[in-house]
């Protein structure tokens, strides 16, 4: 997942959890963008309720912190709705 997120966001993974699987509560992911990865986004995973929700803190440049709750709701056997607070 960290590599996919970096690819989707156009950034580079600077640091990721030591395990290679899915993100777990307590994990920290650091993405870098811009010249020499000067701008960093630090994502702390607060909780994971797979496959229903994900809670995280995203620390952005300039001291901005977003507390995100991502909720996944099944709509059918092949679709879902993803809601960001």
PDB file of N, CA and C in Angstrom:
ATOM      1  N   UNK A   1       0.796  -1.200   0.000  1.00  0.00           N
ATOM      2  CA  UNK A   1       0.000   0.000   0.000  1.00  0.00           C
ATOM      3  C   UNK A   1       0.844   1.272   0.000  1.00  0.00           C
ATOM      4  N   UNK A   2       1.937   1.384   0.781  1.00  0.00           N
ATOM      5  CA  UNK A   2       2.720   2.622   0.750  1.00  0.00           C
ATOM      6  C   UNK A   2       3.221   2.980  -0.638  1.00  0.00           C
ATOM      7  N   UNK A   3       3.693   1.995  -1.386  1.00  0.00           N
ATOM      8  CA  UNK A   3       4.193   2.265  -2.732  1.00  0.00           C
ATOM      9  C   UNK A   3       3.074   2.722  -3.654  1.00  0.00           C
ATOM     10  N   UNK A   4       1.904   2.110  -3.536  1.00  0.00           N
ATOM     11  CA  UNK A   4       0.758   2.508  -4.357  1.00  0.00           C
ATOM     12  C   UNK A   4       0.322   3.930  -4.022  1.00  0.00           C
ATOM     13  N   UNK A   5       0.308   4.288  -2.737  1.00  0.00           N
ATOM     14  CA  UNK A   5      -0.055   5.643  -2.328  1.00  0.00           C
ATOM     15  C   UNK A   5       0.942   6.653  -2.882  1.00  0.00           C
ATOM     16  N   UNK A   6       2.214   6.342  -2.811  1.00  0.00           N
ATOM     17  CA  UNK A   6       3.235   7.249  -3.343  1.00  0.00           C
ATOM     18  C   UNK A   6       3.068   7.428  -4.849  1.00  0.00           C
ATOM     19  N   UNK A   7       2.819   6.345  -5.550  1.00  0.00           N
ATOM     20  CA  UNK A   7       2.623   6.427  -7.004  1.00  0.00           C
ATOM     21  C   UNK A   7       1.403   7.281  -7.336  1.00  0.00           C
ATOM     22  N   UNK A   8       0.301   7.043  -6.616  1.00  0.00           N
ATOM     23  CA  UNK A   8      -0.944   7.776  -6.856  1.00  0.00           C
ATOM     24  C   UNK A   8      -0.781   9.264  -6.566  1.00  0.00           C
ATOM     25  N   UNK A   9      -0.004   9.605  -5.526  1.00  0.00           N
ATOM     26  CA  UNK A   9       0.124  11.003  -5.115  1.00  0.00           C
ATOM     27  C   UNK A   9       1.285  11.720  -5.800  1.00  0.00           C
ATOM     28  N   UNK A  10       2.077  11.006  -6.582  1.00  0.00           N
ATOM     29  CA  UNK A  10       3.203  11.637  -7.271  1.00  0.00           C
ATOM     30  C   UNK A  10       4.370  11.928  -6.360  1.00  0.00           C
ATOM     31  N   UNK A  11       4.463  11.237  -5.235  1.00  0.00           N
ATOM     32  CA  UNK A  11       5.555  11.453  -4.290  1.00  0.00           C
ATOM     33  C   UNK A  11       6.431  10.204  -4.222  1.00  0.00           C
ATOM     34  N   UNK A  12       7.359  10.204  -3.305  1.00  0.00           N
ATOM     35  CA  UNK A  12       8.278   9.092  -3.112  1.00  0.00           C
ATOM     36  C   UNK A  12       8.207   8.643  -1.661  1.00  0.00           C
ATOM     37  N   UNK A  13       8.247   7.336  -1.441  1.00  0.00           N
ATOM     38  CA  UNK A  13       8.267   6.835  -0.072  1.00  0.00           C
ATOM     39  C   UNK A  13       9.653   7.092   0.511  1.00  0.00           C
ATOM     40  N   UNK A  14       9.723   7.884   1.581  1.00  0.00           N
ATOM     41  CA  UNK A  14      10.979   8.169   2.253  1.00  0.00           C
ATOM     42  C   UNK A  14      11.200   7.146   3.370  1.00  0.00           C
ATOM     43  N   UNK A  15      10.147   6.838   4.101  1.00  0.00           N
ATOM     44  CA  UNK A  15      10.225   5.853   5.175  1.00  0.00           C
ATOM     45  C   UNK A  15       8.893   5.132   5.257  1.00  0.00           C
ATOM     46  N   UNK A  16       8.930   3.827   5.476  1.00  0.00           N
ATOM     47  CA  UNK A  16       7.715   3.049   5.600  1.00  0.00           C
ATOM     48  C   UNK A  16       7.872   2.033   6.723  1.00  0.00           C
ATOM     49  N   UNK A  17       6.769   1.434   7.129  1.00  0.00           N
ATOM     50  CA  UNK A  17       6.856   0.440   8.199  1.00  0.00           C
ATOM     51  C   UNK A  17       7.792  -0.707   7.806  1.00  0.00           C
ATOM     52  N   UNK A  18       8.412  -1.354   8.794  1.00  0.00           N
ATOM     53  CA  UNK A  18       9.357  -2.430   8.476  1.00  0.00           C
ATOM     54  C   UNK A  18       8.707  -3.639   7.807  1.00  0.00           C
ATOM     55  N   UNK A  19       7.436  -3.875   8.084  1.00  0.00           N
ATOM     56  CA  UNK A  19       6.767  -4.991   7.409  1.00  0.00           C
ATOM     57  C   UNK A  19       6.345  -4.542   6.017  1.00  0.00           C
ATOM     58  N   UNK A  20       6.166  -5.470   5.128  1.00  0.00           N
ATOM     59  CA  UNK A  20       5.861  -5.141   3.738  1.00  0.00           C
ATOM     60  C   UNK A  20       4.376  -5.250   3.408  1.00  0.00           C
ATOM     61  N   UNK A  21       3.545  -5.632   4.367  1.00  0.00           N
ATOM     62  CA  UNK A  21       2.128  -5.853   4.103  1.00  0.00           C
ATOM     63  C   UNK A  21       1.296  -4.596   4.243  1.00  0.00           C
ATOM     64  N   UNK A  22       0.069  -4.785   4.634  1.00  0.00           N
ATOM     65  CA  UNK A  22      -0.885  -3.692   4.793  1.00  0.00           C
ATOM     66  C   UNK A  22      -0.503  -2.812   5.970  1.00  0.00           C
ATOM     67  N   UNK A  23      -0.987  -1.566   5.941  1.00  0.00           N
ATOM     68  CA  UNK A  23      -0.734  -0.670   7.064  1.00  0.00           C
ATOM     69  C   UNK A  23      -1.488  -1.141   8.301  1.00  0.00           C
ATOM     70  N   UNK A  24      -0.850  -0.981   9.456  1.00  0.00           N
ATOM     71  CA  UNK A  24      -1.426  -1.374  10.734  1.00  0.00           C
ATOM     72  C   UNK A  24      -1.454  -0.176  11.666  1.00  0.00           C
ATOM     73  N   UNK A  25      -2.325  -0.218  12.678  1.00  0.00           N
ATOM     74  CA  UNK A  25      -2.354   0.845  13.686  1.00  0.00           C
ATOM     75  C   UNK A  25      -0.955   0.976  14.283  1.00  0.00           C
ATOM     76  N   UNK A  26      -0.499   2.216  14.419  1.00  0.00           N
ATOM     77  CA  UNK A  26       0.827   2.486  14.952  1.00  0.00           C
ATOM     78  C   UNK A  26       1.891   2.678  13.884  1.00  0.00           C
ATOM     79  N   UNK A  27       1.593   2.346  12.634  1.00  0.00           N
ATOM     80  CA  UNK A  27       2.557   2.528  11.551  1.00  0.00           C
ATOM     81  C   UNK A  27       2.728   4.007  11.225  1.00  0.00           C
ATOM     82  N   UNK A  28       3.887   4.351  10.706  1.00  0.00           N
ATOM     83  CA  UNK A  28       4.170   5.710  10.234  1.00  0.00           C
ATOM     84  C   UNK A  28       4.734   5.606   8.825  1.00  0.00           C
ATOM     85  N   UNK A  29       4.176   6.410   7.941  1.00  0.00           N
ATOM     86  CA  UNK A  29       4.595   6.457   6.552  1.00  0.00           C
ATOM     87  C   UNK A  29       5.024   7.891   6.264  1.00  0.00           C
ATOM     88  N   UNK A  30       6.191   8.052   5.664  1.00  0.00           N
ATOM     89  CA  UNK A  30       6.672   9.391   5.319  1.00  0.00           C
ATOM     90  C   UNK A  30       6.839   9.463   3.806  1.00  0.00           C
ATOM     91  N   UNK A  31       6.136  10.414   3.204  1.00  0.00           N
ATOM     92  CA  UNK A  31       6.220  10.643   1.762  1.00  0.00           C
ATOM     93  C   UNK A  31       6.954  11.952   1.526  1.00  0.00           C
ATOM     94  N   UNK A  32       7.768  11.998   0.480  1.00  0.00           N
ATOM     95  CA  UNK A  32       8.496  13.213   0.151  1.00  0.00           C
ATOM     96  C   UNK A  32       8.181  13.665  -1.254  1.00  0.00           C
ATOM     97  N   UNK A  33       8.133  14.958  -1.451  1.00  0.00           N
ATOM     98  CA  UNK A  33       7.864  15.518  -2.779  1.00  0.00           C
ATOM     99  C   UNK A  33       8.702  16.776  -2.951  1.00  0.00           C
ATOM    100  N   UNK A  34       8.822  17.184  -4.163  1.00  0.00           N
ATOM    101  CA  UNK A  34       9.581  18.400  -4.433  1.00  0.00           C
ATOM    102  C   UNK A  34      11.073  18.127  -4.490  1.00  0.00           C
ATOM    103  N   UNK A  35      11.826  19.165  -4.702  1.00  0.00           N
ATOM    104  CA  UNK A  35      13.273  19.067  -4.831  1.00  0.00           C
ATOM    105  C   UNK A  35      13.889  18.451  -3.581  1.00  0.00           C
ATOM    106  N   UNK A  36      14.577  17.345  -3.762  1.00  0.00           N
ATOM    107  CA  UNK A  36      15.251  16.628  -2.668  1.00  0.00           C
ATOM    108  C   UNK A  36      14.282  16.227  -1.551  1.00  0.00           C
ATOM    109  N   UNK A  37      13.038  15.980  -1.923  1.00  0.00           N
ATOM    110  CA  UNK A  37      12.015  15.557  -0.950  1.00  0.00           C
ATOM    111  C   UNK A  37      11.876  16.571   0.183  1.00  0.00           C
ATOM    112  N   UNK A  38      11.997  17.823  -0.162  1.00  0.00           N
ATOM    113  CA  UNK A  38      11.950  18.877   0.849  1.00  0.00           C
ATOM    114  C   UNK A  38      10.596  18.964   1.545  1.00  0.00           C
ATOM    115  N   UNK A  39       9.531  18.735   0.802  1.00  0.00           N
ATOM    116  CA  UNK A  39       8.200  18.761   1.394  1.00  0.00           C
ATOM    117  C   UNK A  39       7.807  17.339   1.763  1.00  0.00           C
ATOM    118  N   UNK A  40       7.518  17.143   3.030  1.00  0.00           N
ATOM    119  CA  UNK A  40       7.195  15.803   3.508  1.00  0.00           C
ATOM    120  C   UNK A  40       5.795  15.754   4.095  1.00  0.00           C
ATOM    121  N   UNK A  41       5.168  14.616   3.903  1.00  0.00           N
ATOM    122  CA  UNK A  41       3.878  14.320   4.517  1.00  0.00           C
ATOM    123  C   UNK A  41       4.105  13.103   5.401  1.00  0.00           C
ATOM    124  N   UNK A  42       3.805  13.248   6.682  1.00  0.00           N
ATOM    125  CA  UNK A  42       3.964  12.155   7.640  1.00  0.00           C
ATOM    126  C   UNK A  42       2.573  11.652   7.991  1.00  0.00           C
ATOM    127  N   UNK A  43       2.336  10.373   7.743  1.00  0.00           N
ATOM    128  CA  UNK A  43       1.030   9.780   8.008  1.00  0.00           C
ATOM    129  C   UNK A  43       1.173   8.791   9.153  1.00  0.00           C
ATOM    130  N   UNK A  44       0.487   9.071  10.251  1.00  0.00           N
ATOM    131  CA  UNK A  44       0.439   8.163  11.395  1.00  0.00           C
ATOM    132  C   UNK A  44      -0.893   7.439  11.365  1.00  0.00           C
ATOM    133  N   UNK A  45      -0.842   6.107  11.324  1.00  0.00           N
ATOM    134  CA  UNK A  45      -2.060   5.300  11.305  1.00  0.00           C
ATOM    135  C   UNK A  45      -2.535   5.133  12.745  1.00  0.00           C
ATOM    136  N   UNK A  46      -3.709   5.661  13.048  1.00  0.00           N
ATOM    137  CA  UNK A  46      -4.265   5.624  14.402  1.00  0.00           C
ATOM    138  C   UNK A  46      -5.027   4.320  14.633  1.00  0.00           C
ATOM    139  N   UNK A  47      -5.904   3.964  13.706  1.00  0.00           N
ATOM    140  CA  UNK A  47      -6.649   2.709  13.852  1.00  0.00           C
ATOM    141  C   UNK A  47      -7.051   2.180  12.484  1.00  0.00           C
ATOM    142  N   UNK A  48      -7.232   0.866  12.432  1.00  0.00           N
ATOM    143  CA  UNK A  48      -7.666   0.189  11.214  1.00  0.00           C
ATOM    144  C   UNK A  48      -8.780  -0.775  11.607  1.00  0.00           C
ATOM    145  N   UNK A  49      -9.932  -0.615  10.990  1.00  0.00           N
ATOM    146  CA  UNK A  49     -11.041  -1.546  11.181  1.00  0.00           C
ATOM    147  C   UNK A  49     -11.360  -2.110   9.796  1.00  0.00           C
ATOM    148  N   UNK A  50     -10.508  -3.026   9.357  1.00  0.00           N
ATOM    149  CA  UNK A  50     -10.584  -3.577   8.008  1.00  0.00           C
ATOM    150  C   UNK A  50     -11.851  -4.395   7.850  1.00  0.00           C
ATOM    151  N   UNK A  51     -12.593  -4.242   6.812  1.00  0.00           N
ATOM    152  CA  UNK A  51     -12.459  -3.330   5.668  1.00  0.00           C
ATOM    153  C   UNK A  51     -13.365  -2.111   5.773  1.00  0.00           C
ATOM    154  N   UNK A  52     -13.702  -1.678   6.975  1.00  0.00           N
ATOM    155  CA  UNK A  52     -14.714  -0.638   7.157  1.00  0.00           C
ATOM    156  C   UNK A  52     -14.175   0.779   7.327  1.00  0.00           C
ATOM    157  N   UNK A  53     -13.053   0.945   8.033  1.00  0.00           N
ATOM    158  CA  UNK A  53     -12.583   2.312   8.269  1.00  0.00           C
ATOM    159  C   UNK A  53     -11.090   2.353   8.562  1.00  0.00           C
ATOM    160  N   UNK A  54     -10.556   3.542   8.409  1.00  0.00           N
ATOM    161  CA  UNK A  54      -9.143   3.818   8.649  1.00  0.00           C
ATOM    162  C   UNK A  54      -9.078   5.212   9.258  1.00  0.00           C
ATOM    163  N   UNK A  55      -8.384   5.342  10.375  1.00  0.00           N
ATOM    164  CA  UNK A  55      -8.219   6.639  11.017  1.00  0.00           C
ATOM    165  C   UNK A  55      -6.731   6.976  11.011  1.00  0.00           C
ATOM    166  N   UNK A  56      -6.398   8.187  10.570  1.00  0.00           N
ATOM    167  CA  UNK A  56      -4.988   8.566  10.523  1.00  0.00           C
ATOM    168  C   UNK A  56      -4.817  10.061  10.735  1.00  0.00           C
ATOM    169  N   UNK A  57      -3.619  10.429  11.113  1.00  0.00           N
ATOM    170  CA  UNK A  57      -3.217  11.830  11.185  1.00  0.00           C
ATOM    171  C   UNK A  57      -2.215  12.066  10.075  1.00  0.00           C
ATOM    172  N   UNK A  58      -2.488  13.049   9.228  1.00  0.00           N
ATOM    173  CA  UNK A  58      -1.594  13.404   8.137  1.00  0.00           C
ATOM    174  C   UNK A  58      -0.966  14.754   8.460  1.00  0.00           C
ATOM    175  N   UNK A  59       0.332  14.744   8.692  1.00  0.00           N
ATOM    176  CA  UNK A  59       1.065  15.974   9.012  1.00  0.00           C
ATOM    177  C   UNK A  59       1.657  16.517   7.714  1.00  0.00           C
ATOM    178  N   UNK A  60       1.156  17.668   7.319  1.00  0.00           N
ATOM    179  CA  UNK A  60       1.526  18.293   6.056  1.00  0.00           C
ATOM    180  C   UNK A  60       2.562  19.391   6.297  1.00  0.00           C
ATOM    181  N   UNK A  61       3.182  19.893   5.223  1.00  0.00           N
ATOM    182  CA  UNK A  61       4.119  21.012   5.393  1.00  0.00           C
ATOM    183  C   UNK A  61       3.454  22.222   6.068  1.00  0.00           C
ATOM    184  N   UNK A  62       4.274  23.035   6.665  1.00  0.00           N
ATOM    185  CA  UNK A  62       3.871  24.286   7.299  1.00  0.00           C
ATOM    186  C   UNK A  62       3.006  24.070   8.543  1.00  0.00           C
ATOM    187  N   UNK A  63       3.134  22.907   9.183  1.00  0.00           N
ATOM    188  CA  UNK A  63       2.452  22.660  10.449  1.00  0.00           C
ATOM    189  C   UNK A  63       0.981  22.288  10.358  1.00  0.00           C
ATOM    190  N   UNK A  64       0.495  21.981   9.188  1.00  0.00           N
ATOM    191  CA  UNK A  64      -0.907  21.607   9.026  1.00  0.00           C
ATOM    192  C   UNK A  64      -1.070  20.125   9.374  1.00  0.00           C
ATOM    193  N   UNK A  65      -2.034  19.810  10.250  1.00  0.00           N
ATOM    194  CA  UNK A  65      -2.320  18.424  10.609  1.00  0.00           C
ATOM    195  C   UNK A  65      -3.783  18.132  10.299  1.00  0.00           C
ATOM    196  N   UNK A  66      -4.017  17.107   9.492  1.00  0.00           N
ATOM    197  CA  UNK A  66      -5.373  16.660   9.178  1.00  0.00           C
ATOM    198  C   UNK A  66      -5.641  15.365   9.916  1.00  0.00           C
ATOM    199  N   UNK A  67      -6.694  15.336  10.712  1.00  0.00           N
ATOM    200  CA  UNK A  67      -7.143  14.105  11.346  1.00  0.00           C
ATOM    201  C   UNK A  67      -8.196  13.531  10.408  1.00  0.00           C
ATOM    202  N   UNK A  68      -7.885  12.404   9.791  1.00  0.00           N
ATOM    203  CA  UNK A  68      -8.749  11.829   8.758  1.00  0.00           C
ATOM    204  C   UNK A  68      -9.404  10.547   9.250  1.00  0.00           C
ATOM    205  N   UNK A  69     -10.687  10.420   8.991  1.00  0.00           N
ATOM    206  CA  UNK A  69     -11.405   9.172   9.193  1.00  0.00           C
ATOM    207  C   UNK A  69     -11.955   8.787   7.825  1.00  0.00           C
ATOM    208  N   UNK A  70     -11.495   7.663   7.315  1.00  0.00           N
ATOM    209  CA  UNK A  70     -11.909   7.185   6.007  1.00  0.00           C
ATOM    210  C   UNK A  70     -12.848   6.003   6.239  1.00  0.00           C
ATOM    211  N   UNK A  71     -14.069   6.114   5.724  1.00  0.00           N
ATOM    212  CA  UNK A  71     -15.078   5.071   5.926  1.00  0.00           C
ATOM    213  C   UNK A  71     -15.411   4.450   4.578  1.00  0.00           C
ATOM    214  N   UNK A  72     -15.399   3.120   4.537  1.00  0.00           N
ATOM    215  CA  UNK A  72     -15.715   2.382   3.320  1.00  0.00           C
ATOM    216  C   UNK A  72     -17.048   1.666   3.535  1.00  0.00           C
ATOM    217  N   UNK A  73     -18.019   1.950   2.667  1.00  0.00           N
ATOM    218  CA  UNK A  73     -19.349   1.353   2.774  1.00  0.00           C
ATOM    219  C   UNK A  73     -19.639   0.554   1.510  1.00  0.00           C
ATOM    220  N   UNK A  74     -19.948  -0.735   1.681  1.00  0.00           N
ATOM    221  CA  UNK A  74     -20.281  -1.577   0.526  1.00  0.00           C
ATOM    222  C   UNK A  74     -21.602  -1.101  -0.080  1.00  0.00           C
ATOM    223  N   UNK A  75     -21.610  -0.943  -1.401  1.00  0.00           N
ATOM    224  CA  UNK A  75     -22.822  -0.549  -2.117  1.00  0.00           C
ATOM    225  C   UNK A  75     -23.429  -1.746  -2.849  1.00  0.00           C
ATOM    226  N   UNK A  76     -22.568  -2.645  -3.293  1.00  0.00           N
ATOM    227  CA  UNK A  76     -22.981  -3.879  -3.962  1.00  0.00           C
ATOM    228  C   UNK A  76     -21.808  -4.848  -3.869  1.00  0.00           C
ATOM    229  N   UNK A  77     -21.937  -5.976  -4.512  1.00  0.00           N
ATOM    230  CA  UNK A  77     -20.854  -6.968  -4.489  1.00  0.00           C
ATOM    231  C   UNK A  77     -19.607  -6.463  -5.208  1.00  0.00           C
ATOM    232  N   UNK A  78     -19.744  -5.458  -6.061  1.00  0.00           N
ATOM    233  CA  UNK A  78     -18.603  -4.994  -6.844  1.00  0.00           C
ATOM    234  C   UNK A  78     -18.320  -3.498  -6.703  1.00  0.00           C
ATOM    235  N   UNK A  79     -18.969  -2.821  -5.765  1.00  0.00           N
ATOM    236  CA  UNK A  79     -18.713  -1.389  -5.626  1.00  0.00           C
ATOM    237  C   UNK A  79     -18.819  -0.960  -4.163  1.00  0.00           C
ATOM    238  N   UNK A  80     -18.199   0.175  -3.876  1.00  0.00           N
ATOM    239  CA  UNK A  80     -18.260   0.722  -2.519  1.00  0.00           C
ATOM    240  C   UNK A  80     -18.205   2.242  -2.589  1.00  0.00           C
ATOM    241  N   UNK A  81     -18.553   2.872  -1.478  1.00  0.00           N
ATOM    242  CA  UNK A  81     -18.446   4.328  -1.343  1.00  0.00           C
ATOM    243  C   UNK A  81     -17.352   4.594  -0.315  1.00  0.00           C
ATOM    244  N   UNK A  82     -16.425   5.476  -0.638  1.00  0.00           N
ATOM    245  CA  UNK A  82     -15.363   5.858   0.274  1.00  0.00           C
ATOM    246  C   UNK A  82     -15.626   7.296   0.701  1.00  0.00           C
ATOM    247  N   UNK A  83     -15.735   7.498   2.027  1.00  0.00           N
ATOM    248  CA  UNK A  83     -16.045   8.820   2.559  1.00  0.00           C
ATOM    249  C   UNK A  83     -14.876   9.312   3.404  1.00  0.00           C
ATOM    250  N   UNK A  84     -14.407  10.508   3.114  1.00  0.00           N
ATOM    251  CA  UNK A  84     -13.363  11.164   3.901  1.00  0.00           C
ATOM    252  C   UNK A  84     -14.040  12.227   4.742  1.00  0.00           C
ATOM    253  N   UNK A  85     -13.627  12.348   6.024  1.00  0.00           N
ATOM    254  CA  UNK A  85     -14.317  13.341   6.848  1.00  0.00           C
ATOM    255  C   UNK A  85     -14.256  14.646   6.160  1.00  0.00           C
TER     256      UNK A  85
END
